Protein backbone atom coordinates (compact mmCIF):
# COMPACT_ATOMS: atom_id res chain seq x y z
CA MET A 1 -73.62 35.91 43.61
CA ARG A 2 -73.94 33.00 41.15
CA ILE A 3 -71.90 30.45 39.27
CA ARG A 4 -73.12 29.12 36.28
CA SER A 5 -71.02 26.75 33.59
CA ALA A 6 -73.71 26.34 30.30
CA ASP A 7 -72.42 26.27 27.08
CA GLY A 8 -68.98 26.18 27.30
CA GLN A 9 -68.72 29.12 29.23
CA SER A 10 -68.85 30.46 32.64
CA THR A 11 -69.94 32.99 34.06
CA LEU A 12 -70.23 34.87 38.32
CA THR A 13 -73.53 36.77 38.39
CA GLY A 14 -74.47 39.41 40.76
CA LYS A 15 -77.93 40.52 41.49
CA ALA A 16 -79.40 44.15 42.34
CA GLY A 17 -83.06 45.09 43.50
CA ALA A 18 -85.89 43.26 43.40
CA GLY A 19 -89.27 42.54 41.86
CA MET A 20 -89.97 42.86 38.03
CA ALA A 21 -87.39 45.16 37.26
CA ARG A 22 -83.86 44.13 38.66
CA GLN A 23 -79.95 44.83 37.31
CA GLU A 24 -78.01 41.73 36.82
CA TYR A 25 -74.05 42.19 36.56
CA GLU A 26 -72.65 39.12 34.47
CA VAL A 27 -68.43 38.45 34.17
CA VAL A 28 -66.74 35.72 31.92
CA VAL A 29 -65.35 33.52 34.44
CA ASN A 30 -62.27 30.89 33.34
CA GLN A 31 -62.22 27.46 33.96
CA GLU A 32 -59.64 27.28 36.92
CA GLN A 33 -61.98 30.42 38.14
CA PHE A 34 -65.24 28.52 37.76
CA ASP A 35 -63.42 25.70 39.98
CA ALA A 36 -61.99 27.53 42.46
CA LEU A 37 -65.82 29.56 42.98
CA TRP A 38 -67.87 25.81 42.33
CA PRO A 39 -67.22 24.08 45.63
CA GLY A 40 -68.67 27.05 47.88
CA THR A 41 -72.44 26.67 46.16
CA LYS A 42 -72.30 23.26 47.44
CA GLY A 43 -75.93 22.42 49.18
CA ARG A 44 -77.20 25.37 46.99
CA ARG A 45 -77.43 23.76 43.71
CA LEU A 46 -80.47 23.89 41.12
CA GLU A 47 -80.98 21.21 38.00
CA LYS A 48 -82.45 22.58 35.35
CA ARG A 49 -82.91 22.56 31.35
CA ARG A 50 -83.69 25.74 29.82
CA TYR A 51 -85.11 25.96 26.39
CA THR A 52 -84.79 29.21 24.81
CA ILE A 53 -88.50 29.29 22.95
CA PRO A 54 -89.02 32.40 20.17
CA ALA A 55 -91.93 34.22 19.83
CA GLY A 56 -91.58 36.93 18.07
CA ALA A 57 -90.12 39.78 19.58
CA HIS A 58 -89.63 37.91 22.52
CA ALA A 59 -87.85 34.78 23.73
CA TYR A 60 -89.30 32.13 26.52
CA GLU A 61 -87.12 31.31 28.89
CA PHE A 62 -88.44 27.60 29.83
CA ASP A 63 -86.86 26.27 32.94
CA GLU A 64 -87.77 22.56 33.54
CA TYR A 65 -86.22 21.76 36.85
CA PHE A 66 -85.12 18.19 37.95
CA GLY A 67 -83.77 16.71 41.58
CA ALA A 68 -85.25 17.31 44.38
CA LEU A 69 -87.10 20.67 42.17
CA GLY A 70 -88.06 17.48 39.70
CA GLY A 71 -91.95 18.30 38.29
CA LEU A 72 -91.43 22.64 38.35
CA MET A 73 -91.83 24.34 35.06
CA THR A 74 -91.08 28.02 35.15
CA VAL A 75 -90.78 30.62 31.69
CA GLU A 76 -89.37 34.12 32.23
CA VAL A 77 -89.73 36.50 29.75
CA GLU A 78 -87.33 40.02 28.93
CA PHE A 79 -88.28 43.45 28.62
CA GLU A 80 -87.03 46.79 28.03
CA THR A 81 -88.79 48.56 30.24
CA ALA A 82 -91.41 47.65 32.94
CA ASP A 83 -94.34 49.41 30.84
CA ASP A 84 -93.23 46.30 28.35
CA ALA A 85 -93.95 43.96 30.60
CA LEU A 86 -96.54 45.50 32.79
CA ALA A 87 -98.49 45.17 28.65
CA PHE A 88 -97.08 41.73 27.84
CA GLU A 89 -100.43 38.85 27.03
CA PRO A 90 -98.98 36.06 28.40
CA PRO A 91 -100.16 33.02 26.36
CA ALA A 92 -102.79 30.75 28.39
CA TRP A 93 -99.82 27.47 29.12
CA PHE A 94 -97.30 30.33 30.55
CA GLY A 95 -99.64 29.59 34.17
CA THR A 96 -99.72 31.77 37.20
CA GLU A 97 -97.77 34.44 37.49
CA VAL A 98 -95.26 34.36 40.41
CA THR A 99 -92.40 37.62 39.01
CA GLU A 100 -93.51 39.16 42.80
CA ASP A 101 -93.30 35.93 44.70
CA GLU A 102 -90.65 35.35 46.95
CA SER A 103 -91.09 31.47 47.43
CA TYR A 104 -89.63 31.72 42.96
CA LYS A 105 -86.19 33.36 43.69
CA ASN A 106 -83.47 31.44 43.14
CA ALA A 107 -82.18 31.60 47.23
CA ALA A 108 -85.67 29.95 47.63
CA LEU A 109 -85.66 27.31 45.27
CA VAL A 110 -82.26 25.09 47.34
CA LEU A 111 -84.45 25.41 50.21
CA GLY A 112 -87.32 23.48 49.25
CA ARG A 113 -90.88 23.29 48.00
CA PRO A 114 -93.08 26.47 49.63
CA SER A 115 -95.86 25.66 52.29
CA GLY A 116 -99.13 25.77 50.08
CA SER A 117 -98.32 26.40 46.74
CA GLY A 118 -98.27 22.74 45.25
CA VAL A 119 -94.79 23.58 43.34
CA PRO A 120 -90.99 24.59 44.55
CA PRO A 121 -90.28 28.24 44.27
CA TYR A 122 -87.73 30.19 41.73
CA ALA A 123 -87.31 33.82 40.15
CA SER A 124 -84.71 35.04 38.63
CA ALA A 125 -83.12 38.48 37.89
CA SER A 126 -82.59 40.71 34.24
CA PRO A 127 -80.72 43.67 33.53
CA ASN A 128 -84.84 45.68 32.85
CA ALA A 129 -87.72 43.84 33.55
CA ARG A 130 -88.76 39.73 33.60
CA LEU A 131 -92.31 38.13 34.08
CA THR A 132 -92.16 34.36 35.11
CA HIS A 133 -94.58 31.77 34.91
CA CYS A 134 -95.13 28.96 37.03
CA VAL A 135 -95.69 26.81 33.98
CA PRO A 136 -98.83 23.66 34.61
CA SER A 137 -97.36 20.49 33.77
CA SER A 138 -100.66 19.71 31.90
CA THR A 139 -99.78 22.53 29.51
CA ALA A 140 -96.17 22.19 29.42
CA SER A 141 -96.47 19.96 26.09
CA SER A 142 -97.94 23.01 24.70
CA ALA A 143 -95.02 24.94 25.16
CA GLY A 144 -93.25 23.59 22.17
CA ARG A 145 -90.18 21.87 23.92
CA ALA A 146 -87.38 21.28 22.18
């Protein structure tokens, strides 16, 4: 479960499944509900800024992490089907694909950086299919961040 407040809207999200094709169920909650749930996330919060980059038929969701995960940058692309995701040719600046890497799941992120990777973990869910890539900091400027 995830509780999030962004762009003036608060949501409660449940996720099911694993890997590239997963389900995500999102419900809008009011401020009173958010305020009641938020304290339960203490010690398990992620700080990041998301940039949405239009790219033809897709939108790249570029995440820049702060705090304990400072320096981590990921980009995700959501697809209608797993076949669409598998056919996708990512730009070179996307870096290493980490879609199936368990250490890149949000639940793992709050625990810190995975051993041997040099970067912290991350992942997300989607209603259909999603690919996640770890963006090298040396190429982030070519990503077109706003």
